[in-house]
Amino acid sequence: MKCPKVDSEKCVGCGSCAALCPGVFAMDDDGKSKVVKCDGAPENEIQQAIDACPVQAITWEEKD
């Protein structure tokens, strides 16, 4: 299964991923994005959030 992964070093906390796909992404207490549920939205919606990231801090990774 594919799951999005946020690189917290790259994340600038713009919130676009959480706004576009709140079932998968949320803003953490440190102001950075985090994944809250890998399958919280259809893959194409997750991809839209990934594509909207201005610093390309979100990628896909394979999970078992």
PDB file of N, CA and C in Angstrom:
ATOM      1  N   MET A   1       0.840  -1.180   0.000  1.00  0.00           N
ATOM      2  CA  MET A   1       0.000   0.000   0.000  1.00  0.00           C
ATOM      3  C   MET A   1       0.885   1.243   0.000  1.00  0.00           C
ATOM      4  N   LYS A   2       0.492   2.231  -0.794  1.00  0.00           N
ATOM      5  CA  LYS A   2       1.204   3.499  -0.811  1.00  0.00           C
ATOM      6  C   LYS A   2       0.637   4.410   0.265  1.00  0.00           C
ATOM      7  N   CYS A   3       1.544   5.172   0.871  1.00  0.00           N
ATOM      8  CA  CYS A   3       1.152   6.116   1.907  1.00  0.00           C
ATOM      9  C   CYS A   3       1.962   7.397   1.698  1.00  0.00           C
ATOM     10  N   PRO A   4       1.320   8.555   1.823  1.00  0.00           N
ATOM     11  CA  PRO A   4       2.096   9.788   1.710  1.00  0.00           C
ATOM     12  C   PRO A   4       2.995   9.978   2.923  1.00  0.00           C
ATOM     13  N   LYS A   5       4.116  10.630   2.705  1.00  0.00           N
ATOM     14  CA  LYS A   5       5.065  10.905   3.780  1.00  0.00           C
ATOM     15  C   LYS A   5       5.474  12.368   3.694  1.00  0.00           C
ATOM     16  N   VAL A   6       5.436  13.059   4.815  1.00  0.00           N
ATOM     17  CA  VAL A   6       5.827  14.468   4.864  1.00  0.00           C
ATOM     18  C   VAL A   6       7.237  14.580   5.427  1.00  0.00           C
ATOM     19  N   ASP A   7       8.099  15.256   4.695  1.00  0.00           N
ATOM     20  CA  ASP A   7       9.450  15.543   5.163  1.00  0.00           C
ATOM     21  C   ASP A   7       9.374  16.818   6.001  1.00  0.00           C
ATOM     22  N   SER A   8       9.424  16.670   7.315  1.00  0.00           N
ATOM     23  CA  SER A   8       9.252  17.821   8.203  1.00  0.00           C
ATOM     24  C   SER A   8      10.385  18.836   8.079  1.00  0.00           C
ATOM     25  N   GLU A   9      11.526  18.415   7.564  1.00  0.00           N
ATOM     26  CA  GLU A   9      12.634  19.356   7.352  1.00  0.00           C
ATOM     27  C   GLU A   9      12.316  20.317   6.206  1.00  0.00           C
ATOM     28  N   LYS A  10      11.589  19.822   5.197  1.00  0.00           N
ATOM     29  CA  LYS A  10      11.234  20.646   4.039  1.00  0.00           C
ATOM     30  C   LYS A  10       9.941  21.425   4.248  1.00  0.00           C
ATOM     31  N   CYS A  11       9.022  20.885   5.046  1.00  0.00           N
ATOM     32  CA  CYS A  11       7.698  21.477   5.219  1.00  0.00           C
ATOM     33  C   CYS A  11       7.809  22.897   5.770  1.00  0.00           C
ATOM     34  N   VAL A  12       7.082  23.821   5.117  1.00  0.00           N
ATOM     35  CA  VAL A  12       7.072  25.212   5.569  1.00  0.00           C
ATOM     36  C   VAL A  12       5.770  25.567   6.284  1.00  0.00           C
ATOM     37  N   GLY A  13       4.889  24.590   6.445  1.00  0.00           N
ATOM     38  CA  GLY A  13       3.664  24.798   7.209  1.00  0.00           C
ATOM     39  C   GLY A  13       2.615  25.638   6.516  1.00  0.00           C
ATOM     40  N   CYS A  14       2.565  25.597   5.189  1.00  0.00           N
ATOM     41  CA  CYS A  14       1.584  26.425   4.471  1.00  0.00           C
ATOM     42  C   CYS A  14       0.158  25.926   4.664  1.00  0.00           C
ATOM     43  N   GLY A  15      -0.012  24.636   4.938  1.00  0.00           N
ATOM     44  CA  GLY A  15      -1.338  24.086   5.214  1.00  0.00           C
ATOM     45  C   GLY A  15      -2.147  23.689   4.004  1.00  0.00           C
ATOM     46  N   SER A  16      -1.589  23.799   2.811  1.00  0.00           N
ATOM     47  CA  SER A  16      -2.366  23.474   1.611  1.00  0.00           C
ATOM     48  C   SER A  16      -2.773  22.004   1.579  1.00  0.00           C
ATOM     49  N   CYS A  17      -1.912  21.118   2.015  1.00  0.00           N
ATOM     50  CA  CYS A  17      -2.250  19.686   2.003  1.00  0.00           C
ATOM     51  C   CYS A  17      -3.407  19.392   2.952  1.00  0.00           C
ATOM     52  N   ALA A  18      -3.372  19.978   4.135  1.00  0.00           N
ATOM     53  CA  ALA A  18      -4.440  19.758   5.112  1.00  0.00           C
ATOM     54  C   ALA A  18      -5.753  20.384   4.645  1.00  0.00           C
ATOM     55  N   ALA A  19      -5.672  21.498   3.937  1.00  0.00           N
ATOM     56  CA  ALA A  19      -6.881  22.131   3.416  1.00  0.00           C
ATOM     57  C   ALA A  19      -7.494  21.322   2.285  1.00  0.00           C
ATOM     58  N   LEU A  20      -6.648  20.765   1.428  1.00  0.00           N
ATOM     59  CA  LEU A  20      -7.135  20.000   0.282  1.00  0.00           C
ATOM     60  C   LEU A  20      -7.546  18.578   0.644  1.00  0.00           C
ATOM     61  N   CYS A  21      -6.903  18.009   1.646  1.00  0.00           N
ATOM     62  CA  CYS A  21      -7.120  16.603   1.964  1.00  0.00           C
ATOM     63  C   CYS A  21      -7.100  16.387   3.486  1.00  0.00           C
ATOM     64  N   PRO A  22      -8.106  16.932   4.188  1.00  0.00           N
ATOM     65  CA  PRO A  22      -8.100  16.875   5.654  1.00  0.00           C
ATOM     66  C   PRO A  22      -8.265  15.472   6.240  1.00  0.00           C
ATOM     67  N   GLY A  23      -8.698  14.521   5.434  1.00  0.00           N
ATOM     68  CA  GLY A  23      -8.809  13.149   5.915  1.00  0.00           C
ATOM     69  C   GLY A  23      -7.471  12.441   6.012  1.00  0.00           C
ATOM     70  N   VAL A  24      -6.445  13.037   5.408  1.00  0.00           N
ATOM     71  CA  VAL A  24      -5.115  12.423   5.377  1.00  0.00           C
ATOM     72  C   VAL A  24      -4.079  13.275   6.108  1.00  0.00           C
ATOM     73  N   PHE A  25      -4.145  14.594   5.916  1.00  0.00           N
ATOM     74  CA  PHE A  25      -3.134  15.497   6.475  1.00  0.00           C
ATOM     75  C   PHE A  25      -3.728  16.401   7.550  1.00  0.00           C
ATOM     76  N   ALA A  26      -2.893  16.764   8.513  1.00  0.00           N
ATOM     77  CA  ALA A  26      -3.273  17.726   9.550  1.00  0.00           C
ATOM     78  C   ALA A  26      -2.025  18.507   9.919  1.00  0.00           C
ATOM     79  N   MET A  27      -2.248  19.658  10.520  1.00  0.00           N
ATOM     80  CA  MET A  27      -1.124  20.464  10.977  1.00  0.00           C
ATOM     81  C   MET A  27      -0.796  20.071  12.412  1.00  0.00           C
ATOM     82  N   ASP A  28       0.464  19.826  12.673  1.00  0.00           N
ATOM     83  CA  ASP A  28       0.940  19.417  13.987  1.00  0.00           C
ATOM     84  C   ASP A  28       1.128  20.645  14.877  1.00  0.00           C
ATOM     85  N   ASP A  29       1.395  20.411  16.138  1.00  0.00           N
ATOM     86  CA  ASP A  29       1.595  21.500  17.095  1.00  0.00           C
ATOM     87  C   ASP A  29       2.783  22.391  16.725  1.00  0.00           C
ATOM     88  N   ASP A  30       3.742  21.833  15.977  1.00  0.00           N
ATOM     89  CA  ASP A  30       4.908  22.613  15.575  1.00  0.00           C
ATOM     90  C   ASP A  30       4.669  23.413  14.293  1.00  0.00           C
ATOM     91  N   GLY A  31       3.417  23.378  13.789  1.00  0.00           N
ATOM     92  CA  GLY A  31       3.085  24.133  12.589  1.00  0.00           C
ATOM     93  C   GLY A  31       3.425  23.440  11.291  1.00  0.00           C
ATOM     94  N   LYS A  32       3.832  22.200  11.376  1.00  0.00           N
ATOM     95  CA  LYS A  32       4.188  21.419  10.193  1.00  0.00           C
ATOM     96  C   LYS A  32       3.089  20.404   9.909  1.00  0.00           C
ATOM     97  N   SER A  33       3.034  19.970   8.669  1.00  0.00           N
ATOM     98  CA  SER A  33       2.045  18.976   8.262  1.00  0.00           C
ATOM     99  C   SER A  33       2.457  17.585   8.730  1.00  0.00           C
ATOM    100  N   LYS A  34       1.447  16.744   8.968  1.00  0.00           N
ATOM    101  CA  LYS A  34       1.711  15.339   9.287  1.00  0.00           C
ATOM    102  C   LYS A  34       0.611  14.495   8.655  1.00  0.00           C
ATOM    103  N   VAL A  35       0.916  13.231   8.426  1.00  0.00           N
ATOM    104  CA  VAL A  35      -0.070  12.286   7.899  1.00  0.00           C
ATOM    105  C   VAL A  35      -0.816  11.695   9.087  1.00  0.00           C
ATOM    106  N   VAL A  36      -2.147  11.779   9.053  1.00  0.00           N
ATOM    107  CA  VAL A  36      -2.952  11.235  10.136  1.00  0.00           C
ATOM    108  C   VAL A  36      -3.637   9.929   9.754  1.00  0.00           C
ATOM    109  N   LYS A  37      -3.831   9.710   8.438  1.00  0.00           N
ATOM    110  CA  LYS A  37      -4.455   8.462   7.986  1.00  0.00           C
ATOM    111  C   LYS A  37      -4.113   8.251   6.519  1.00  0.00           C
ATOM    112  N   CYS A  38      -3.339   7.211   6.232  1.00  0.00           N
ATOM    113  CA  CYS A  38      -2.866   6.949   4.861  1.00  0.00           C
ATOM    114  C   CYS A  38      -4.005   6.805   3.861  1.00  0.00           C
ATOM    115  N   ASP A  39      -5.085   6.181   4.292  1.00  0.00           N
ATOM    116  CA  ASP A  39      -6.183   5.888   3.364  1.00  0.00           C
ATOM    117  C   ASP A  39      -7.412   6.730   3.680  1.00  0.00           C
ATOM    118  N   GLY A  40      -7.191   7.942   4.131  1.00  0.00           N
ATOM    119  CA  GLY A  40      -8.294   8.821   4.505  1.00  0.00           C
ATOM    120  C   GLY A  40      -8.963   9.527   3.347  1.00  0.00           C
ATOM    121  N   ALA A  41      -8.474   9.285   2.124  1.00  0.00           N
ATOM    122  CA  ALA A  41      -9.049   9.896   0.923  1.00  0.00           C
ATOM    123  C   ALA A  41      -8.616   9.065  -0.281  1.00  0.00           C
ATOM    124  N   PRO A  42      -9.316   9.215  -1.402  1.00  0.00           N
ATOM    125  CA  PRO A  42      -8.885   8.514  -2.619  1.00  0.00           C
ATOM    126  C   PRO A  42      -7.487   8.961  -3.041  1.00  0.00           C
ATOM    127  N   GLU A  43      -6.768   8.066  -3.678  1.00  0.00           N
ATOM    128  CA  GLU A  43      -5.384   8.336  -4.070  1.00  0.00           C
ATOM    129  C   GLU A  43      -5.255   9.592  -4.929  1.00  0.00           C
ATOM    130  N   ASN A  44      -6.225   9.835  -5.814  1.00  0.00           N
ATOM    131  CA  ASN A  44      -6.116  11.015  -6.671  1.00  0.00           C
ATOM    132  C   ASN A  44      -6.238  12.317  -5.870  1.00  0.00           C
ATOM    133  N   GLU A  45      -7.021  12.315  -4.796  1.00  0.00           N
ATOM    134  CA  GLU A  45      -7.126  13.500  -3.940  1.00  0.00           C
ATOM    135  C   GLU A  45      -5.835  13.711  -3.150  1.00  0.00           C
ATOM    136  N   ILE A  46      -5.246  12.622  -2.691  1.00  0.00           N
ATOM    137  CA  ILE A  46      -3.959  12.724  -1.992  1.00  0.00           C
ATOM    138  C   ILE A  46      -2.905  13.281  -2.940  1.00  0.00           C
ATOM    139  N   GLN A  47      -2.921  12.801  -4.187  1.00  0.00           N
ATOM    140  CA  GLN A  47      -1.950  13.279  -5.175  1.00  0.00           C
ATOM    141  C   GLN A  47      -2.119  14.771  -5.437  1.00  0.00           C
ATOM    142  N   GLN A  48      -3.347  15.261  -5.448  1.00  0.00           N
ATOM    143  CA  GLN A  48      -3.577  16.699  -5.622  1.00  0.00           C
ATOM    144  C   GLN A  48      -2.931  17.495  -4.484  1.00  0.00           C
ATOM    145  N   ALA A  49      -3.054  16.985  -3.269  1.00  0.00           N
ATOM    146  CA  ALA A  49      -2.423  17.652  -2.122  1.00  0.00           C
ATOM    147  C   ALA A  49      -0.903  17.612  -2.239  1.00  0.00           C
ATOM    148  N   ILE A  50      -0.375  16.483  -2.684  1.00  0.00           N
ATOM    149  CA  ILE A  50       1.072  16.358  -2.887  1.00  0.00           C
ATOM    150  C   ILE A  50       1.535  17.371  -3.929  1.00  0.00           C
ATOM    151  N   ASP A  51       0.805  17.457  -5.028  1.00  0.00           N
ATOM    152  CA  ASP A  51       1.180  18.370  -6.110  1.00  0.00           C
ATOM    153  C   ASP A  51       1.074  19.832  -5.693  1.00  0.00           C
ATOM    154  N   ALA A  52       0.200  20.134  -4.736  1.00  0.00           N
ATOM    155  CA  ALA A  52       0.011  21.511  -4.287  1.00  0.00           C
ATOM    156  C   ALA A  52       1.094  21.987  -3.326  1.00  0.00           C
ATOM    157  N   CYS A  53       1.894  21.085  -2.801  1.00  0.00           N
ATOM    158  CA  CYS A  53       2.937  21.470  -1.849  1.00  0.00           C
ATOM    159  C   CYS A  53       3.975  22.353  -2.542  1.00  0.00           C
ATOM    160  N   PRO A  54       4.156  23.585  -2.064  1.00  0.00           N
ATOM    161  CA  PRO A  54       5.074  24.510  -2.747  1.00  0.00           C
ATOM    162  C   PRO A  54       6.549  24.152  -2.612  1.00  0.00           C
ATOM    163  N   VAL A  55       6.886  23.291  -1.671  1.00  0.00           N
ATOM    164  CA  VAL A  55       8.294  22.927  -1.475  1.00  0.00           C
ATOM    165  C   VAL A  55       8.558  21.435  -1.697  1.00  0.00           C
ATOM    166  N   GLN A  56       7.592  20.736  -2.279  1.00  0.00           N
ATOM    167  CA  GLN A  56       7.705  19.304  -2.571  1.00  0.00           C
ATOM    168  C   GLN A  56       8.141  18.494  -1.347  1.00  0.00           C
ATOM    169  N   ALA A  57       7.495  18.775  -0.221  1.00  0.00           N
ATOM    170  CA  ALA A  57       7.839  18.093   1.030  1.00  0.00           C
ATOM    171  C   ALA A  57       7.093  16.768   1.207  1.00  0.00           C
ATOM    172  N   ILE A  58       6.168  16.445   0.296  1.00  0.00           N
ATOM    173  CA  ILE A  58       5.366  15.226   0.441  1.00  0.00           C
ATOM    174  C   ILE A  58       5.667  14.279  -0.710  1.00  0.00           C
ATOM    175  N   THR A  59       5.928  13.033  -0.357  1.00  0.00           N
ATOM    176  CA  THR A  59       6.191  11.993  -1.350  1.00  0.00           C
ATOM    177  C   THR A  59       5.380  10.757  -0.991  1.00  0.00           C
ATOM    178  N   TRP A  60       5.345   9.811  -1.907  1.00  0.00           N
ATOM    179  CA  TRP A  60       4.723   8.519  -1.637  1.00  0.00           C
ATOM    180  C   TRP A  60       5.776   7.555  -1.117  1.00  0.00           C
ATOM    181  N   GLU A  61       5.382   6.672  -0.219  1.00  0.00           N
ATOM    182  CA  GLU A  61       6.249   5.579   0.218  1.00  0.00           C
ATOM    183  C   GLU A  61       5.413   4.314   0.307  1.00  0.00           C
ATOM    184  N   GLU A  62       6.058   3.192   0.130  1.00  0.00           N
ATOM    185  CA  GLU A  62       5.377   1.914   0.218  1.00  0.00           C
ATOM    186  C   GLU A  62       5.314   1.459   1.675  1.00  0.00           C
ATOM    187  N   LYS A  63       4.138   1.057   2.099  1.00  0.00           N
ATOM    188  CA  LYS A  63       3.932   0.511   3.450  1.00  0.00           C
ATOM    189  C   LYS A  63       3.495  -0.944   3.304  1.00  0.00           C
ATOM    190  N   ASP A  64       3.876  -1.761   4.270  1.00  0.00           N
ATOM    191  CA  ASP A  64       3.459  -3.166   4.252  1.00  0.00           C
ATOM    192  C   ASP A  64       2.054  -3.323   4.793  1.00  0.00           C
TER     193      ASP A  64
END
